[in-house]
C-alpha atoms as a PDB file:
ATOM      1  CA  UNK A   1       0.189  -0.302  -0.248  1.00  0.00           C
ATOM      2  CA  UNK A   2       2.041   3.169  -1.422  1.00  0.00           C
ATOM      3  CA  UNK A   3       1.086   5.924   0.963  1.00  0.00           C
ATOM      4  CA  UNK A   4      -0.804   9.041  -0.531  1.00  0.00           C
ATOM      5  CA  UNK A   5       1.287  12.140   1.456  1.00  0.00           C
ATOM      6  CA  UNK A   6       4.879  11.856   2.119  1.00  0.00           C
ATOM      7  CA  UNK A   7       5.313  13.836   5.565  1.00  0.00           C
ATOM      8  CA  UNK A   8       9.226  15.779   5.457  1.00  0.00           C
ATOM      9  CA  UNK A   9      10.605  16.229   8.243  1.00  0.00           C
ATOM     10  CA  UNK A  10      12.902  19.864   7.996  1.00  0.00           C
ATOM     11  CA  UNK A  11      16.697  19.887   9.039  1.00  0.00           C
ATOM     12  CA  UNK A  12      19.484  22.531   7.573  1.00  0.00           C
ATOM     13  CA  UNK A  13      22.924  21.310   7.475  1.00  0.00           C
ATOM     14  CA  UNK A  14      24.881  24.059   5.139  1.00  0.00           C
ATOM     15  CA  UNK A  15      27.169  24.728   8.516  1.00  0.00           C
ATOM     16  CA  UNK A  16      29.158  26.620   5.962  1.00  0.00           C
ATOM     17  CA  UNK A  17      26.719  29.312   5.686  1.00  0.00           C
ATOM     18  CA  UNK A  18      25.797  28.651   9.879  1.00  0.00           C
ATOM     19  CA  UNK A  19      29.560  29.477  10.433  1.00  0.00           C
ATOM     20  CA  UNK A  20      29.271  32.466   7.122  1.00  0.00           C
ATOM     21  CA  UNK A  21      26.132  33.675   9.600  1.00  0.00           C
ATOM     22  CA  UNK A  22      27.897  33.283  12.656  1.00  0.00           C
ATOM     23  CA  UNK A  23      31.054  35.266  11.210  1.00  0.00           C
ATOM     24  CA  UNK A  24      28.699  37.735  10.461  1.00  0.00           C
ATOM     25  CA  UNK A  25      26.955  38.427  13.849  1.00  0.00           C
ATOM     26  CA  UNK A  26      30.438  38.567  15.710  1.00  0.00           C
ATOM     27  CA  UNK A  27      32.085  41.256  12.836  1.00  0.00           C
ATOM     28  CA  UNK A  28      28.815  43.715  13.978  1.00  0.00           C
ATOM     29  CA  UNK A  29      28.687  42.720  17.161  1.00  0.00           C
ATOM     30  CA  UNK A  30      32.689  43.976  17.553  1.00  0.00           C
ATOM     31  CA  UNK A  31      31.178  46.855  15.234  1.00  0.00           C
ATOM     32  CA  UNK A  32      28.621  48.287  17.174  1.00  0.00           C
ATOM     33  CA  UNK A  33      30.591  50.337  20.447  1.00  0.00           C
ATOM     34  CA  UNK A  34      27.048  50.458  22.158  1.00  0.00           C
ATOM     35  CA  UNK A  35      25.997  46.902  21.482  1.00  0.00           C
ATOM     36  CA  UNK A  36      26.649  45.298  25.014  1.00  0.00           C
ATOM     37  CA  UNK A  37      24.543  48.639  26.081  1.00  0.00           C
ATOM     38  CA  UNK A  38      21.669  48.083  24.728  1.00  0.00           C
ATOM     39  CA  UNK A  39      19.574  45.011  25.941  1.00  0.00           C
ATOM     40  CA  UNK A  40      17.273  45.599  23.190  1.00  0.00           C
ATOM     41  CA  UNK A  41      19.616  45.159  20.252  1.00  0.00           C
ATOM     42  CA  UNK A  42      21.485  42.678  21.798  1.00  0.00           C
ATOM     43  CA  UNK A  43      19.365  40.004  21.949  1.00  0.00           C
ATOM     44  CA  UNK A  44      17.718  38.725  19.918  1.00  0.00           C
ATOM     45  CA  UNK A  45      21.355  38.975  18.055  1.00  0.00           C
ATOM     46  CA  UNK A  46      22.932  36.956  21.271  1.00  0.00           C
ATOM     47  CA  UNK A  47      19.311  34.047  20.332  1.00  0.00           C
ATOM     48  CA  UNK A  48      20.570  33.348  17.019  1.00  0.00           C
ATOM     49  CA  UNK A  49      23.867  34.214  17.366  1.00  0.00           C
ATOM     50  CA  UNK A  50      23.680  31.071  20.137  1.00  0.00           C
ATOM     51  CA  UNK A  51      21.896  29.042  18.042  1.00  0.00           C
ATOM     52  CA  UNK A  52      24.199  28.740  15.285  1.00  0.00           C
ATOM     53  CA  UNK A  53      26.522  27.828  18.140  1.00  0.00           C
ATOM     54  CA  UNK A  54      24.309  25.620  18.963  1.00  0.00           C
ATOM     55  CA  UNK A  55      24.369  23.955  15.287  1.00  0.00           C
ATOM     56  CA  UNK A  56      27.875  24.572  14.177  1.00  0.00           C
ATOM     57  CA  UNK A  57      28.406  22.504  17.369  1.00  0.00           C
ATOM     58  CA  UNK A  58      25.955  19.847  17.140  1.00  0.00           C
ATOM     59  CA  UNK A  59      27.279  19.211  12.922  1.00  0.00           C
ATOM     60  CA  UNK A  60      31.278  19.140  14.494  1.00  0.00           C
ATOM     61  CA  UNK A  61      30.075  16.468  16.463  1.00  0.00           C
ATOM     62  CA  UNK A  62      28.141  14.530  14.587  1.00  0.00           C
ATOM     63  CA  UNK A  63      31.161  14.597  12.086  1.00  0.00           C
ATOM     64  CA  UNK A  64      33.722  13.789  14.393  1.00  0.00           C
ATOM     65  CA  UNK A  65      31.486  10.552  16.071  1.00  0.00           C
ATOM     66  CA  UNK A  66      30.843   9.722  12.062  1.00  0.00           C
ATOM     67  CA  UNK A  67      34.607   9.525  11.877  1.00  0.00           C
ATOM     68  CA  UNK A  68      35.371   7.879  15.059  1.00  0.00           C
ATOM     69  CA  UNK A  69      33.283   4.931  13.719  1.00  0.00           C
END
């Protein structure tokens, strides 16, 4: 029996893109002298930075685990 629809679970494993975005965010943080004194500005940027760091670190861990097999 064939299913008439397929469930697709999305995810992005484009690590180079995530690393590039992370570098852009870090450059933005360094370029703004008021970054740390402005929580309205810094909070969403830091949230995105943390999500990118977690994704990149997770991908690196998975790659290292695969390579160890």
